[in-house]
Amino acid sequence: MTDESLEIARFSGKGILITPKTLEKPLLKWEKLEIILYKDKIVFEFLDKKIEVGIEDIEDVGAELPKKVLEIAKSTLEDITYHSSIIIKSKEFGSVMVGFAPETSIYGKAPIDNFLRKLFYTLLNKKEVKLLYNVEENKNAEWKDGFLTFIKKRIKDGLVTKIEYRLVVEVLENEDSKIYDIFSNIKDVEIEEKDVNSEIEPVLKILQLKEGKDVISYLYTKDKKVRLFILRYMIIFLDYKYIGILKYFE
């Protein structure tokens, strides 16, 4: 049983449960929803139902809502400008999408972003990856074992200094930890096939601009969902939705 003190984040607003069956209903509507994120599970509390699944049962985050659901929202919500979704695998309902949005537009995007930042942290932090960094300058480079992590960065906004968390790759080299910032100043993102441990595997090819030069790196994770979450994170929080393969995500 999960210790309630391990609650990581909570979203309160309006939500909608989307399945092939519910989409057929003429009275499909948005209703009050609480989403509670724990270290090991996520809970969706609607007015008349509660869905609880493990973190490993989250299949996607931020996928576009069906047009019908957005149209219904216009008649039942004050504003649907800001919304998001989580796709989960549930024993009771199968694979379902949960759409969610703030109850009022005065809150803007902040309630969604605040929740999703902690959700992505839970989904990505300490996940194992392999990295080939700056391959043009390191022709004989070999895959480095590392993991995804978030580092603090101070951002000055006028007189106020904000703390932001930046997704990076951390690699242990000669007993020293080295940080590779491969998610900033990105010019292109593609999926290519590369040799990883004598197997041909799909990897992310990331092209960055660093100090006026193009830097190409490759990132591999054997977990397909982690790769998807990385791409979603890049779209939602790094605003790379018009770059490379990210243009085709919905």
Protein backbone atom coordinates (compact mmCIF):
# COMPACT_ATOMS: atom_id res chain seq x y z
CA MET A 1 0.00 0.00 0.00
CA THR A 2 1.35 3.41 -1.00
CA ASP A 3 2.18 5.80 1.81
CA GLU A 4 -0.01 8.88 1.26
CA SER A 5 2.90 11.06 2.40
CA LEU A 6 4.69 10.07 -0.81
CA GLU A 7 2.34 12.22 -2.90
CA ILE A 8 4.47 14.08 -5.45
CA ALA A 9 1.98 16.27 -7.27
CA ARG A 10 -1.73 16.92 -7.64
CA PHE A 11 -3.85 18.44 -10.41
CA SER A 12 -7.36 19.73 -9.70
CA GLY A 13 -9.60 20.76 -12.55
CA LYS A 14 -11.84 19.22 -15.21
CA GLY A 15 -11.24 15.95 -17.00
CA ILE A 16 -12.69 13.45 -19.41
CA LEU A 17 -12.21 9.70 -19.83
CA ILE A 18 -11.76 8.78 -23.48
CA THR A 19 -12.21 5.27 -24.85
CA PRO A 20 -13.68 4.00 -28.15
CA LYS A 21 -16.93 3.32 -26.25
CA THR A 22 -17.18 6.70 -24.51
CA LEU A 23 -16.53 8.51 -27.80
CA GLU A 24 -19.71 6.92 -29.13
CA LYS A 25 -21.80 8.44 -26.34
CA PRO A 26 -23.79 11.55 -27.34
CA LEU A 27 -23.64 12.89 -23.74
CA LEU A 28 -19.87 12.68 -23.35
CA LYS A 29 -18.85 15.51 -21.02
CA TRP A 30 -16.04 16.98 -18.96
CA GLU A 31 -16.35 16.71 -15.19
CA LYS A 32 -14.42 17.44 -12.02
CA LEU A 33 -11.15 15.54 -11.80
CA GLU A 34 -8.33 15.12 -9.34
CA ILE A 35 -5.07 13.57 -10.55
CA ILE A 36 -2.70 12.51 -7.78
CA LEU A 37 0.85 11.46 -8.61
CA TYR A 38 2.80 9.21 -6.26
CA LYS A 39 6.27 7.79 -6.59
CA ASP A 40 4.96 4.43 -7.83
CA LYS A 41 1.44 5.12 -9.12
CA ILE A 42 -1.00 7.69 -10.51
CA VAL A 43 -4.63 8.06 -9.46
CA PHE A 44 -7.49 9.67 -11.42
CA GLU A 45 -10.51 10.57 -9.28
CA PHE A 46 -13.66 11.44 -11.25
CA LEU A 47 -17.05 12.12 -9.67
CA ASP A 48 -18.25 8.53 -10.06
CA LYS A 49 -15.09 6.52 -10.66
CA LYS A 50 -11.51 6.13 -9.52
CA ILE A 51 -8.73 4.74 -11.73
CA GLU A 52 -5.41 3.74 -10.19
CA VAL A 53 -2.46 2.43 -12.18
CA GLY A 54 1.27 2.02 -11.66
CA ILE A 55 3.74 4.51 -13.12
CA GLU A 56 4.84 1.75 -15.49
CA ASP A 57 1.29 1.72 -16.94
CA ILE A 58 1.60 5.28 -18.28
CA GLU A 59 1.93 4.91 -22.05
CA ASP A 60 2.00 8.52 -23.30
CA VAL A 61 1.73 12.12 -22.11
CA GLY A 62 0.58 15.16 -24.04
CA ALA A 63 -1.02 13.44 -27.05
CA GLU A 64 -3.59 15.60 -28.85
CA LEU A 65 -7.21 15.14 -27.78
CA PRO A 66 -9.78 13.92 -30.32
CA LYS A 67 -11.64 16.73 -32.13
CA LYS A 68 -14.98 15.62 -30.67
CA VAL A 69 -13.62 15.98 -27.14
CA LEU A 70 -12.33 19.49 -27.86
CA GLU A 71 -15.67 20.49 -29.40
CA ILE A 72 -17.55 19.22 -26.33
CA ALA A 73 -15.17 21.16 -24.10
CA LYS A 74 -16.13 24.44 -25.80
CA SER A 75 -19.69 24.03 -24.55
CA THR A 76 -18.90 22.83 -21.03
CA LEU A 77 -15.67 24.60 -20.07
CA GLU A 78 -14.94 28.31 -19.80
CA ASP A 79 -11.81 27.85 -21.92
CA ILE A 80 -10.03 24.88 -23.50
CA THR A 81 -6.96 26.79 -24.66
CA TYR A 82 -4.80 24.95 -22.15
CA HIS A 83 -5.25 21.21 -21.89
CA SER A 84 -3.25 17.99 -21.94
CA SER A 85 -3.66 14.25 -21.74
CA ILE A 86 -2.27 11.07 -20.23
CA ILE A 87 -2.71 7.66 -21.85
CA ILE A 88 -2.71 4.74 -19.42
CA LYS A 89 -3.16 0.97 -19.53
CA SER A 90 -5.91 0.05 -17.11
CA LYS A 91 -7.03 -3.45 -16.12
CA GLU A 92 -10.66 -2.32 -16.04
CA PHE A 93 -10.81 -0.11 -19.15
CA GLY A 94 -7.83 -1.23 -21.25
CA SER A 95 -5.80 1.50 -22.96
CA VAL A 96 -7.54 4.83 -22.28
CA MET A 97 -6.81 8.53 -22.59
CA VAL A 98 -7.57 10.99 -19.81
CA GLY A 99 -7.91 14.59 -20.96
CA PHE A 100 -7.56 17.34 -18.38
CA ALA A 101 -7.74 21.14 -18.22
CA PRO A 102 -7.91 23.93 -15.61
CA GLU A 103 -11.41 24.86 -14.46
CA THR A 104 -10.92 28.48 -15.44
CA SER A 105 -8.72 30.33 -17.91
CA ILE A 106 -7.48 32.77 -15.22
CA TYR A 107 -5.01 30.08 -14.13
CA GLY A 108 -3.48 29.93 -17.60
CA LYS A 109 -1.18 27.00 -18.37
CA ALA A 110 0.53 26.95 -14.96
CA PRO A 111 -1.57 24.19 -13.30
CA ILE A 112 -0.87 21.83 -16.20
CA ASP A 113 2.83 22.68 -16.49
CA ASN A 114 3.42 22.39 -12.74
CA PHE A 115 1.91 18.91 -12.72
CA LEU A 116 3.55 17.71 -15.93
CA ARG A 117 7.02 18.84 -14.86
CA LYS A 118 6.82 16.53 -11.85
CA LEU A 119 5.30 13.75 -13.91
CA PHE A 120 8.11 13.90 -16.48
CA TYR A 121 10.65 13.97 -13.64
CA THR A 122 9.11 10.75 -12.33
CA LEU A 123 9.07 9.16 -15.80
CA LEU A 124 12.58 10.18 -16.91
CA ASN A 125 14.85 10.75 -13.93
CA LYS A 126 17.62 8.14 -13.55
CA LYS A 127 16.52 6.20 -16.64
CA GLU A 128 19.48 4.41 -18.25
CA VAL A 129 20.68 5.58 -21.66
CA LYS A 130 23.71 5.30 -23.94
CA LEU A 131 25.33 8.34 -25.54
CA LEU A 132 27.56 9.03 -28.54
CA TYR A 133 28.49 12.69 -28.15
CA ASN A 134 29.77 15.04 -30.89
CA VAL A 135 30.48 12.25 -33.35
CA GLU A 136 31.98 14.55 -36.01
CA GLU A 137 34.90 15.43 -33.75
CA ASN A 138 35.08 12.02 -32.08
CA LYS A 139 35.16 9.64 -35.05
CA ASN A 140 36.14 6.63 -32.94
CA ALA A 141 33.84 7.42 -30.05
CA GLU A 142 32.17 4.49 -28.32
CA TRP A 143 28.83 4.42 -26.59
CA LYS A 144 29.00 5.84 -23.06
CA ASP A 145 26.69 4.41 -20.39
CA GLY A 146 24.77 7.06 -18.52
CA PHE A 147 21.37 8.10 -17.29
CA LEU A 148 18.92 10.95 -17.63
CA THR A 149 18.80 13.46 -14.81
CA PHE A 150 17.62 16.98 -14.06
CA ILE A 151 20.01 19.73 -12.95
CA LYS A 152 19.19 23.09 -11.43
CA LYS A 153 19.76 26.22 -13.45
CA ARG A 154 19.30 29.78 -12.22
CA ILE A 155 17.39 31.99 -14.67
CA LYS A 156 17.32 35.75 -14.10
CA ASP A 157 14.01 37.37 -15.05
CA GLY A 158 14.42 41.07 -14.34
CA LEU A 159 14.97 41.42 -10.61
CA VAL A 160 13.78 37.90 -9.90
CA THR A 161 15.96 34.79 -10.08
CA LYS A 162 14.08 31.61 -10.90
CA ILE A 163 15.23 28.04 -10.51
CA GLU A 164 14.61 25.78 -13.49
CA TYR A 165 15.38 22.11 -13.90
CA ARG A 166 17.12 21.10 -17.13
CA LEU A 167 17.09 17.58 -18.54
CA VAL A 168 20.63 16.32 -19.25
CA VAL A 169 22.58 13.09 -19.58
CA GLU A 170 25.02 12.18 -16.79
CA VAL A 171 27.92 9.83 -17.57
CA LEU A 172 30.51 8.37 -15.21
CA GLU A 173 33.95 8.80 -16.77
CA ASN A 174 37.11 7.72 -14.94
CA GLU A 175 35.20 7.75 -11.65
CA ASP A 176 34.12 11.35 -12.33
CA SER A 177 30.59 12.38 -13.23
CA LYS A 178 30.25 14.37 -16.45
CA ILE A 179 27.14 16.22 -17.60
CA TYR A 180 26.18 16.34 -21.28
CA ASP A 181 23.66 19.06 -22.13
CA ILE A 182 22.25 17.54 -25.31
CA PHE A 183 18.75 19.05 -25.15
CA SER A 184 19.56 22.75 -25.65
CA ASN A 185 19.84 24.79 -28.89
CA ILE A 186 18.52 21.87 -30.93
CA LYS A 187 18.31 22.33 -34.71
CA ASP A 188 17.07 18.87 -35.67
CA VAL A 189 15.88 15.59 -34.14
CA GLU A 190 15.54 12.37 -36.10
CA ILE A 191 15.39 8.63 -35.47
CA GLU A 192 18.16 6.61 -37.11
CA GLU A 193 19.40 3.05 -36.84
CA LYS A 194 22.83 2.52 -35.26
CA ASP A 195 24.90 -0.38 -34.02
CA VAL A 196 24.41 -0.71 -30.26
CA ASN A 197 26.18 -3.66 -28.64
CA SER A 198 26.34 -5.46 -32.02
CA GLU A 199 22.61 -4.99 -32.60
CA ILE A 200 21.00 -2.51 -35.00
CA GLU A 201 18.71 -0.35 -32.87
CA PRO A 202 16.64 2.84 -33.35
CA VAL A 203 18.36 5.83 -31.70
CA LEU A 204 17.74 9.57 -31.47
CA LYS A 205 20.02 11.68 -33.63
CA ILE A 206 20.23 15.18 -32.12
CA LEU A 207 21.76 18.12 -33.97
CA GLN A 208 22.67 21.11 -31.79
CA LEU A 209 24.25 24.50 -32.36
CA LYS A 210 27.10 25.02 -29.89
CA GLU A 211 29.51 27.94 -30.04
CA GLY A 212 28.60 28.52 -33.67
CA LYS A 213 29.22 24.89 -34.66
CA ASP A 214 26.93 21.98 -35.44
CA VAL A 215 27.22 19.15 -32.93
CA ILE A 216 25.69 15.75 -33.70
CA SER A 217 25.03 13.27 -30.90
CA TYR A 218 23.16 9.98 -30.63
CA LEU A 219 21.05 8.89 -27.67
CA TYR A 220 19.84 5.33 -27.12
CA THR A 221 17.43 3.80 -24.64
CA LYS A 222 16.17 0.25 -24.88
CA ASP A 223 12.88 1.37 -23.35
CA LYS A 224 10.65 2.64 -26.19
CA LYS A 225 8.41 4.51 -23.76
CA VAL A 226 11.36 6.43 -22.32
CA ARG A 227 12.28 7.50 -25.87
CA LEU A 228 8.70 8.66 -26.41
CA PHE A 229 8.66 10.56 -23.10
CA ILE A 230 11.91 12.31 -24.07
CA LEU A 231 10.34 13.47 -27.33
CA ARG A 232 7.16 14.61 -25.58
CA TYR A 233 9.23 16.53 -23.02
CA MET A 234 11.09 18.28 -25.83
CA ILE A 235 7.80 19.36 -27.39
CA ILE A 236 5.99 20.44 -24.23
CA PHE A 237 8.75 22.12 -22.24
CA LEU A 238 11.53 22.90 -24.71
CA ASP A 239 9.19 24.13 -27.48
CA TYR A 240 10.80 22.07 -30.24
CA LYS A 241 7.46 21.06 -31.79
CA TYR A 242 8.42 22.35 -35.26
CA ILE A 243 11.80 20.59 -35.45
CA GLY A 244 12.56 17.30 -37.23
CA ILE A 245 10.36 14.35 -36.36
CA LEU A 246 8.67 16.40 -33.61
CA LYS A 247 6.65 18.15 -36.34
CA TYR A 248 4.73 14.94 -36.89
CA PHE A 249 3.75 14.20 -33.31
CA GLU A 250 0.08 14.60 -32.37
